[in-house]
N, C-alpha and C. Protein backbone atom coordinates (compact mmCIF):
# COMPACT_ATOMS: atom_id res chain seq x y z
N MET A 1 -42.52 -54.05 -15.51
CA MET A 1 -43.44 -55.68 -15.42
C MET A 1 -43.76 -56.69 -16.70
N ASP A 2 -43.15 -57.31 -17.28
CA ASP A 2 -43.59 -57.71 -18.44
C ASP A 2 -44.67 -59.38 -17.67
N ILE A 3 -45.79 -59.44 -18.83
CA ILE A 3 -46.40 -60.80 -18.23
C ILE A 3 -46.45 -61.73 -19.28
N LYS A 4 -45.96 -62.82 -18.83
CA LYS A 4 -45.18 -63.72 -20.33
C LYS A 4 -46.26 -65.10 -19.27
N THR A 5 -47.22 -65.17 -18.33
CA THR A 5 -48.18 -65.87 -18.53
C THR A 5 -49.54 -65.16 -18.48
N CYS A 6 -50.18 -65.79 -18.49
CA CYS A 6 -52.10 -65.27 -18.58
C CYS A 6 -51.81 -65.18 -16.98
N PRO A 7 -52.71 -63.88 -16.86
CA PRO A 7 -53.07 -64.20 -15.29
C PRO A 7 -54.27 -64.20 -14.30
N ASP A 8 -54.53 -64.83 -13.70
CA ASP A 8 -55.62 -65.45 -12.90
C ASP A 8 -56.51 -64.35 -12.90
N GLU A 9 -57.74 -65.34 -12.64
CA GLU A 9 -58.90 -64.85 -12.29
C GLU A 9 -58.78 -63.71 -11.71
N LYS A 10 -58.65 -63.31 -10.21
CA LYS A 10 -58.72 -63.06 -9.70
C LYS A 10 -57.97 -61.59 -9.66
N THR A 11 -56.76 -61.59 -10.73
CA THR A 11 -55.73 -60.26 -10.91
C THR A 11 -56.37 -59.36 -12.33
N LEU A 12 -57.62 -60.29 -13.59
CA LEU A 12 -58.46 -59.69 -14.06
C LEU A 12 -59.38 -58.67 -13.48
N SER A 13 -60.06 -59.97 -12.51
CA SER A 13 -60.95 -58.55 -12.15
C SER A 13 -60.71 -57.67 -10.90
N LEU A 14 -59.62 -57.56 -10.77
CA LEU A 14 -58.89 -56.36 -10.14
C LEU A 14 -58.99 -55.31 -11.38
N LEU A 15 -58.53 -55.90 -12.49
CA LEU A 15 -58.47 -54.46 -13.36
C LEU A 15 -59.66 -54.35 -13.81
N LEU A 16 -60.48 -55.16 -14.03
CA LEU A 16 -61.97 -54.50 -14.14
C LEU A 16 -62.07 -53.60 -13.10
N LEU A 17 -62.23 -53.50 -11.66
CA LEU A 17 -62.24 -53.32 -10.96
C LEU A 17 -61.73 -51.32 -11.03
N GLY A 18 -60.82 -51.55 -11.93
CA GLY A 18 -59.40 -50.67 -11.36
C GLY A 18 -58.81 -50.13 -10.70
N LYS A 19 -58.21 -51.45 -9.83
CA LYS A 19 -57.79 -51.94 -8.49
C LYS A 19 -56.40 -52.00 -8.70
N LEU A 20 -55.86 -52.30 -9.90
CA LEU A 20 -54.60 -52.31 -10.07
C LEU A 20 -53.42 -51.05 -10.04
N PRO A 21 -52.22 -51.47 -9.74
CA PRO A 21 -51.36 -50.28 -10.04
C PRO A 21 -51.64 -49.81 -11.56
N GLU A 22 -51.00 -48.57 -12.12
CA GLU A 22 -51.64 -48.46 -13.25
C GLU A 22 -50.71 -48.98 -13.97
N LEU A 23 -49.06 -49.59 -13.62
CA LEU A 23 -48.13 -49.79 -14.69
C LEU A 23 -48.62 -51.26 -15.44
N GLN A 24 -49.41 -51.71 -13.90
CA GLN A 24 -49.54 -53.16 -13.78
C GLN A 24 -50.87 -53.28 -14.93
N ALA A 25 -51.70 -52.72 -14.97
CA ALA A 25 -52.78 -52.33 -15.53
C ALA A 25 -52.30 -51.66 -16.89
N GLU A 26 -51.65 -51.56 -17.36
CA GLU A 26 -51.18 -51.19 -18.96
C GLU A 26 -51.00 -52.38 -19.03
N LYS A 27 -50.04 -52.87 -18.52
CA LYS A 27 -48.83 -54.48 -19.06
C LYS A 27 -50.43 -55.12 -19.14
N LEU A 28 -50.97 -55.57 -18.12
CA LEU A 28 -52.12 -56.62 -18.48
C LEU A 28 -53.28 -56.09 -19.81
N GLU A 29 -53.23 -54.58 -19.80
CA GLU A 29 -54.34 -54.36 -20.94
C GLU A 29 -53.31 -54.75 -22.19
N GLU A 30 -52.50 -54.68 -22.73
CA GLU A 30 -51.35 -54.87 -23.25
C GLU A 30 -51.70 -56.50 -23.84
N HIS A 31 -51.61 -57.15 -23.06
CA HIS A 31 -51.77 -58.53 -23.15
C HIS A 31 -52.86 -58.62 -23.65
N LEU A 32 -53.93 -57.95 -23.04
CA LEU A 32 -55.03 -58.61 -23.44
C LEU A 32 -55.41 -58.27 -25.14
N LEU A 33 -54.95 -57.61 -25.19
CA LEU A 33 -55.04 -56.96 -27.15
C LEU A 33 -54.26 -58.24 -27.86
N ARG A 34 -53.38 -59.00 -26.93
CA ARG A 34 -52.71 -59.68 -28.03
C ARG A 34 -53.08 -61.35 -27.90
N CYS A 35 -53.97 -61.54 -26.59
CA CYS A 35 -54.04 -63.05 -25.78
C CYS A 35 -55.81 -63.15 -25.87
N ASP A 36 -55.89 -63.58 -27.06
CA ASP A 36 -57.68 -64.03 -27.13
C ASP A 36 -57.81 -64.62 -26.17
N ASP A 37 -57.66 -65.79 -25.81
CA ASP A 37 -57.74 -66.58 -24.65
C ASP A 37 -58.62 -65.21 -23.18
N CYS A 38 -57.44 -64.90 -22.96
CA CYS A 38 -58.05 -63.80 -21.68
C CYS A 38 -58.84 -62.25 -21.65
N ALA A 39 -58.64 -62.16 -23.43
CA ALA A 39 -59.33 -61.18 -23.62
C ALA A 39 -61.22 -62.23 -23.53
N SER A 40 -61.03 -63.11 -24.36
CA SER A 40 -62.35 -63.48 -24.30
C SER A 40 -62.87 -63.87 -21.99
N ARG A 41 -61.74 -64.13 -21.32
CA ARG A 41 -62.05 -64.69 -19.88
C ARG A 41 -62.28 -63.54 -19.51
N SER A 42 -62.31 -62.29 -19.69
CA SER A 42 -62.39 -60.89 -19.09
C SER A 42 -63.51 -60.92 -19.12
N GLU A 43 -64.12 -61.11 -20.33
CA GLU A 43 -65.83 -60.74 -20.85
C GLU A 43 -66.38 -61.53 -20.06
N THR A 44 -66.42 -62.65 -19.60
CA THR A 44 -67.11 -63.23 -18.53
C THR A 44 -66.86 -63.26 -16.86
N ILE A 45 -66.13 -62.80 -16.60
CA ILE A 45 -65.67 -62.16 -15.65
C ILE A 45 -66.95 -61.33 -14.73
N ILE A 46 -67.22 -61.53 -13.68
CA ILE A 46 -68.47 -60.42 -13.03
C ILE A 46 -67.84 -59.90 -11.89
N ALA A 47 -66.86 -58.71 -12.29
CA ALA A 47 -66.18 -58.30 -10.97
C ALA A 47 -67.36 -57.23 -10.16
N SER A 48 -66.88 -57.46 -8.95
CA SER A 48 -67.65 -56.40 -8.29
C SER A 48 -67.45 -56.34 -6.70
N ASP A 49 -67.53 -55.43 -6.02
CA ASP A 49 -67.32 -55.04 -4.82
C ASP A 49 -68.33 -54.43 -4.02
N GLU A 50 -68.23 -53.59 -2.96
CA GLU A 50 -69.14 -52.80 -2.13
C GLU A 50 -69.45 -51.48 -3.27
N LEU A 51 -68.66 -51.25 -3.74
CA LEU A 51 -68.84 -49.93 -4.52
C LEU A 51 -70.22 -50.55 -5.71
N THR A 52 -69.40 -51.15 -6.49
CA THR A 52 -70.36 -51.46 -7.72
C THR A 52 -71.30 -52.56 -7.82
N ASN A 53 -71.50 -53.37 -6.35
CA ASN A 53 -73.19 -54.10 -5.71
C ASN A 53 -73.72 -52.65 -5.66
N ALA A 54 -73.22 -51.92 -4.57
CA ALA A 54 -74.31 -50.57 -4.46
C ALA A 54 -74.75 -49.22 -5.62
N ILE A 55 -73.64 -49.25 -6.65
CA ILE A 55 -74.34 -48.62 -7.72
C ILE A 55 -75.51 -49.38 -8.21
N GLN A 56 -74.96 -51.18 -8.62
CA GLN A 56 -76.03 -52.12 -9.55
C GLN A 56 -77.63 -52.26 -8.56
N ALA A 57 -77.40 -52.00 -7.46
CA ALA A 57 -78.80 -52.37 -6.50
C ALA A 57 -78.98 -51.22 -5.74
N PRO A 58 -79.11 -49.59 -6.46
CA PRO A 58 -78.75 -48.55 -5.20
C PRO A 58 -79.99 -49.10 -4.89
N GLU A 59 -80.48 -49.39 -4.65
CA GLU A 59 -82.51 -49.21 -3.95
C GLU A 59 -82.24 -50.22 -2.49
N LEU A 60 -81.12 -51.26 -2.93
CA LEU A 60 -81.15 -52.40 -1.56
C LEU A 60 -79.83 -51.40 -0.68
N ALA A 61 -78.80 -50.22 -1.35
CA ALA A 61 -78.37 -49.89 -0.56
C ALA A 61 -78.53 -48.76 0.39
N ARG A 62 -79.86 -48.59 0.09
CA ARG A 62 -80.97 -47.45 0.73
C ARG A 62 -81.46 -47.75 1.91
N LEU A 63 -81.48 -49.49 1.92
CA LEU A 63 -82.40 -50.41 2.99
C LEU A 63 -81.80 -50.23 4.00
N PRO A 64 -82.39 -49.64 5.75
CA PRO A 64 -81.37 -49.34 6.78
C PRO A 64 -80.63 -51.37 6.86
N GLN A 65 -79.56 -51.26 7.11
CA GLN A 65 -79.22 -52.37 7.82
C GLN A 65 -79.85 -53.03 9.15
N LEU A 66 -80.29 -54.37 9.28
CA LEU A 66 -81.13 -55.11 10.23
C LEU A 66 -79.88 -55.21 11.29
N GLU A 67 -79.96 -54.76 12.82
CA GLU A 67 -79.47 -55.52 13.22
C GLU A 67 -79.52 -56.64 13.73
N GLU A 68 -78.07 -57.62 14.36
CA GLU A 68 -78.86 -59.48 14.43
C GLU A 68 -79.24 -59.07 15.94
């Protein structure tokens, strides 16, 4: 798969979270080496999911969940 156009923010976020298939991630990483705009965009994206949220705020992850 060749990346001929710049990826959207969701795709960049998936790359930063390590959630892209290996081949797609490699191609996108190559694109970032050649495309200053995408490289700059990737530095400003706040990529998060449940795991990264738990790692970044471990004290919150340990609190019991309140039932509604």
